[in-house]
N, C-alpha and C. Protein backbone atom coordinates (compact mmCIF):
# COMPACT_ATOMS: atom_id res chain seq x y z
N UNK A 1 0.85 -1.16 0.00
CA UNK A 1 0.00 0.00 0.00
C UNK A 1 0.90 1.23 0.00
N UNK A 2 0.61 2.16 -0.88
CA UNK A 2 1.36 3.40 -0.97
C UNK A 2 0.41 4.50 -1.39
N UNK A 3 0.41 5.56 -0.62
CA UNK A 3 -0.46 6.71 -0.92
C UNK A 3 -1.92 6.29 -1.13
N UNK A 4 -2.41 5.43 -0.23
CA UNK A 4 -3.79 4.95 -0.19
C UNK A 4 -4.18 4.07 -1.38
N UNK A 5 -3.18 3.56 -2.12
CA UNK A 5 -3.44 2.62 -3.21
C UNK A 5 -2.80 1.29 -2.84
N UNK A 6 -3.48 0.20 -3.19
CA UNK A 6 -2.99 -1.13 -2.85
C UNK A 6 -2.39 -1.77 -4.10
N UNK A 7 -1.23 -2.40 -3.92
CA UNK A 7 -0.53 -3.03 -5.03
C UNK A 7 -0.24 -4.49 -4.72
N UNK A 8 -0.11 -5.28 -5.76
CA UNK A 8 0.30 -6.68 -5.64
C UNK A 8 1.59 -6.83 -6.43
N UNK A 9 2.56 -7.49 -5.82
CA UNK A 9 3.81 -7.78 -6.51
C UNK A 9 3.83 -9.27 -6.80
N UNK A 10 3.88 -9.61 -8.08
CA UNK A 10 3.88 -11.01 -8.49
C UNK A 10 5.27 -11.61 -8.32
N UNK A 11 5.35 -12.92 -8.39
CA UNK A 11 6.62 -13.64 -8.21
C UNK A 11 7.66 -13.22 -9.26
N UNK A 12 7.20 -12.77 -10.44
CA UNK A 12 8.13 -12.36 -11.49
C UNK A 12 8.57 -10.90 -11.34
N UNK A 13 8.11 -10.23 -10.27
CA UNK A 13 8.49 -8.84 -10.03
C UNK A 13 7.53 -7.81 -10.60
N UNK A 14 6.55 -8.25 -11.36
CA UNK A 14 5.57 -7.33 -11.94
C UNK A 14 4.68 -6.77 -10.83
N UNK A 15 4.44 -5.46 -10.90
CA UNK A 15 3.62 -4.78 -9.89
C UNK A 15 2.33 -4.31 -10.55
N UNK A 16 1.20 -4.57 -9.87
CA UNK A 16 -0.06 -4.09 -10.41
C UNK A 16 -0.94 -3.58 -9.27
N UNK A 17 -1.70 -2.54 -9.56
CA UNK A 17 -2.65 -2.00 -8.58
C UNK A 17 -3.85 -2.95 -8.53
N UNK A 18 -4.37 -3.18 -7.32
CA UNK A 18 -5.50 -4.10 -7.17
C UNK A 18 -6.69 -3.38 -6.56
N UNK A 19 -7.87 -3.93 -6.81
CA UNK A 19 -9.11 -3.39 -6.26
C UNK A 19 -9.14 -3.62 -4.75
N UNK A 20 -9.89 -2.83 -4.03
CA UNK A 20 -9.95 -2.96 -2.57
C UNK A 20 -10.80 -4.13 -2.10
N UNK A 21 -11.33 -4.93 -3.01
CA UNK A 21 -12.10 -6.12 -2.63
C UNK A 21 -11.22 -7.38 -2.59
N UNK A 22 -9.99 -7.28 -3.08
CA UNK A 22 -9.06 -8.41 -3.09
C UNK A 22 -8.65 -8.73 -1.66
N UNK A 23 -8.62 -10.03 -1.32
CA UNK A 23 -8.21 -10.45 0.02
C UNK A 23 -6.80 -11.02 -0.03
N UNK A 24 -6.11 -10.96 1.11
CA UNK A 24 -4.76 -11.49 1.22
C UNK A 24 -4.60 -12.23 2.55
N UNK A 25 -3.82 -13.30 2.57
CA UNK A 25 -3.65 -14.03 3.82
C UNK A 25 -2.72 -13.32 4.82
N UNK A 26 -1.92 -12.38 4.35
CA UNK A 26 -0.98 -11.68 5.22
C UNK A 26 -0.64 -10.33 4.62
N UNK A 27 -0.52 -9.34 5.48
CA UNK A 27 -0.07 -8.02 5.03
C UNK A 27 0.58 -7.31 6.21
N UNK A 28 1.62 -6.57 5.93
CA UNK A 28 2.26 -5.73 6.94
C UNK A 28 2.22 -4.30 6.43
N UNK A 29 1.61 -3.42 7.20
CA UNK A 29 1.43 -2.03 6.78
C UNK A 29 1.94 -1.12 7.89
N UNK A 30 2.62 -0.06 7.49
CA UNK A 30 3.10 0.92 8.45
C UNK A 30 3.07 2.30 7.82
N UNK A 31 3.13 3.33 8.65
CA UNK A 31 3.26 4.67 8.12
C UNK A 31 4.71 4.87 7.68
N UNK A 32 4.91 5.58 6.61
CA UNK A 32 6.26 5.80 6.09
C UNK A 32 6.79 7.10 6.67
N UNK A 33 7.83 6.99 7.48
CA UNK A 33 8.50 8.16 8.03
C UNK A 33 9.90 8.23 7.43
N UNK A 34 10.21 9.36 6.82
CA UNK A 34 11.52 9.51 6.19
C UNK A 34 12.59 9.71 7.26
N UNK A 35 13.57 8.83 7.30
CA UNK A 35 14.70 8.97 8.20
C UNK A 35 15.87 9.67 7.53
N UNK A 36 16.09 9.32 6.27
CA UNK A 36 17.15 9.96 5.50
C UNK A 36 16.63 10.22 4.09
N UNK A 37 17.35 11.05 3.37
CA UNK A 37 17.02 11.33 1.99
C UNK A 37 18.32 11.29 1.19
N UNK A 38 18.25 10.76 -0.02
CA UNK A 38 19.43 10.68 -0.86
C UNK A 38 19.04 10.93 -2.30
N UNK A 39 19.92 11.56 -3.03
CA UNK A 39 19.70 11.77 -4.46
C UNK A 39 20.70 10.89 -5.21
N UNK A 40 20.17 9.97 -5.98
CA UNK A 40 21.00 9.04 -6.74
C UNK A 40 20.94 9.42 -8.21
N UNK A 41 22.11 9.53 -8.84
CA UNK A 41 22.17 9.89 -10.26
C UNK A 41 22.91 8.81 -11.02
N UNK A 42 22.60 8.69 -12.28
CA UNK A 42 23.29 7.74 -13.14
C UNK A 42 22.91 6.30 -12.90
N UNK A 43 21.71 6.07 -12.40
CA UNK A 43 21.24 4.71 -12.17
C UNK A 43 20.68 4.19 -13.49
N UNK A 44 21.39 3.26 -14.10
CA UNK A 44 20.99 2.79 -15.43
C UNK A 44 20.34 1.42 -15.43
N UNK A 45 20.40 0.70 -14.29
CA UNK A 45 19.75 -0.60 -14.24
C UNK A 45 19.46 -0.99 -12.79
N UNK A 46 18.72 -2.06 -12.63
CA UNK A 46 18.26 -2.50 -11.31
C UNK A 46 19.41 -2.91 -10.40
N UNK A 47 20.43 -3.55 -10.95
CA UNK A 47 21.57 -3.99 -10.13
C UNK A 47 22.30 -2.78 -9.53
N UNK A 48 22.47 -1.73 -10.30
CA UNK A 48 23.11 -0.52 -9.80
C UNK A 48 22.24 0.14 -8.74
N UNK A 49 20.92 0.15 -8.95
CA UNK A 49 20.01 0.71 -7.95
C UNK A 49 20.14 -0.05 -6.64
N UNK A 50 20.10 -1.39 -6.68
CA UNK A 50 20.23 -2.20 -5.46
C UNK A 50 21.56 -1.91 -4.76
N UNK A 51 22.63 -1.80 -5.51
CA UNK A 51 23.95 -1.52 -4.94
C UNK A 51 23.96 -0.18 -4.20
N UNK A 52 23.39 0.84 -4.82
CA UNK A 52 23.34 2.17 -4.20
C UNK A 52 22.44 2.20 -2.98
N UNK A 53 21.29 1.52 -3.05
CA UNK A 53 20.39 1.47 -1.90
C UNK A 53 21.02 0.71 -0.74
N UNK A 54 21.76 -0.36 -1.04
CA UNK A 54 22.43 -1.11 0.02
C UNK A 54 23.45 -0.27 0.78
N UNK A 55 24.03 0.71 0.12
CA UNK A 55 24.97 1.61 0.79
C UNK A 55 24.28 2.48 1.84
N UNK A 56 22.97 2.67 1.70
CA UNK A 56 22.22 3.51 2.63
C UNK A 56 21.77 2.74 3.87
N UNK A 57 21.87 1.42 3.84
CA UNK A 57 21.41 0.58 4.95
C UNK A 57 22.46 0.54 6.04
N UNK A 58 22.07 0.99 7.22
CA UNK A 58 23.00 1.03 8.34
C UNK A 58 23.07 -0.30 9.08
N UNK A 59 21.92 -0.91 9.32
CA UNK A 59 21.85 -2.18 10.06
C UNK A 59 21.38 -3.27 9.11
N UNK A 60 22.25 -4.18 8.74
CA UNK A 60 21.93 -5.19 7.73
C UNK A 60 20.90 -6.21 8.18
N UNK A 61 20.62 -6.30 9.50
CA UNK A 61 19.65 -7.29 9.98
C UNK A 61 18.30 -6.66 10.32
N UNK A 62 18.03 -5.46 9.80
CA UNK A 62 16.76 -4.77 10.04
C UNK A 62 15.97 -4.67 8.73
N UNK A 63 14.68 -4.41 8.84
CA UNK A 63 13.84 -4.18 7.67
C UNK A 63 13.93 -2.72 7.26
N UNK A 64 13.98 -2.48 5.97
CA UNK A 64 14.04 -1.13 5.43
C UNK A 64 12.99 -1.00 4.33
N UNK A 65 12.49 0.21 4.16
CA UNK A 65 11.59 0.51 3.04
C UNK A 65 12.13 1.76 2.35
N UNK A 66 12.10 1.75 1.05
CA UNK A 66 12.56 2.88 0.26
C UNK A 66 11.39 3.40 -0.57
N UNK A 67 11.19 4.69 -0.53
CA UNK A 67 10.23 5.33 -1.41
C UNK A 67 11.05 6.09 -2.45
N UNK A 68 10.83 5.75 -3.70
CA UNK A 68 11.65 6.31 -4.78
C UNK A 68 10.78 7.18 -5.68
N UNK A 69 11.19 8.41 -5.84
CA UNK A 69 10.60 9.31 -6.82
C UNK A 69 11.59 9.40 -7.96
N UNK A 70 11.14 9.12 -9.19
CA UNK A 70 12.08 9.05 -10.29
C UNK A 70 11.50 9.60 -11.58
N UNK A 71 12.39 10.07 -12.41
CA UNK A 71 12.06 10.43 -13.79
C UNK A 71 12.66 9.32 -14.64
N UNK A 72 11.80 8.58 -15.34
CA UNK A 72 12.25 7.46 -16.16
C UNK A 72 12.19 7.84 -17.63
N UNK A 73 13.24 7.53 -18.32
CA UNK A 73 13.31 7.80 -19.76
C UNK A 73 13.38 6.46 -20.48
N UNK A 74 12.44 6.22 -21.35
CA UNK A 74 12.41 4.98 -22.11
C UNK A 74 12.73 5.29 -23.57
N UNK A 75 13.73 4.62 -24.05
CA UNK A 75 14.14 4.81 -25.45
C UNK A 75 13.77 3.56 -26.24
N UNK A 76 12.98 3.74 -27.27
CA UNK A 76 12.54 2.58 -28.07
C UNK A 76 13.37 2.48 -29.33
């Protein structure tokens, strides 16, 4: 759930918004409080994004959530 919208993430990584009538056997929801902010530039693929986000994690045995605002450019 993000900004009052509910999403489902499939096993293949695909994300889709779902109707509020969909049921789930488990969900963990919390309010998002920003602890730190970072501006990442030159992120060209998912592996680089994961590498940069991992640098922001202080405690490797804790849960973290990242909210990403991005401008995406798609070249066909």
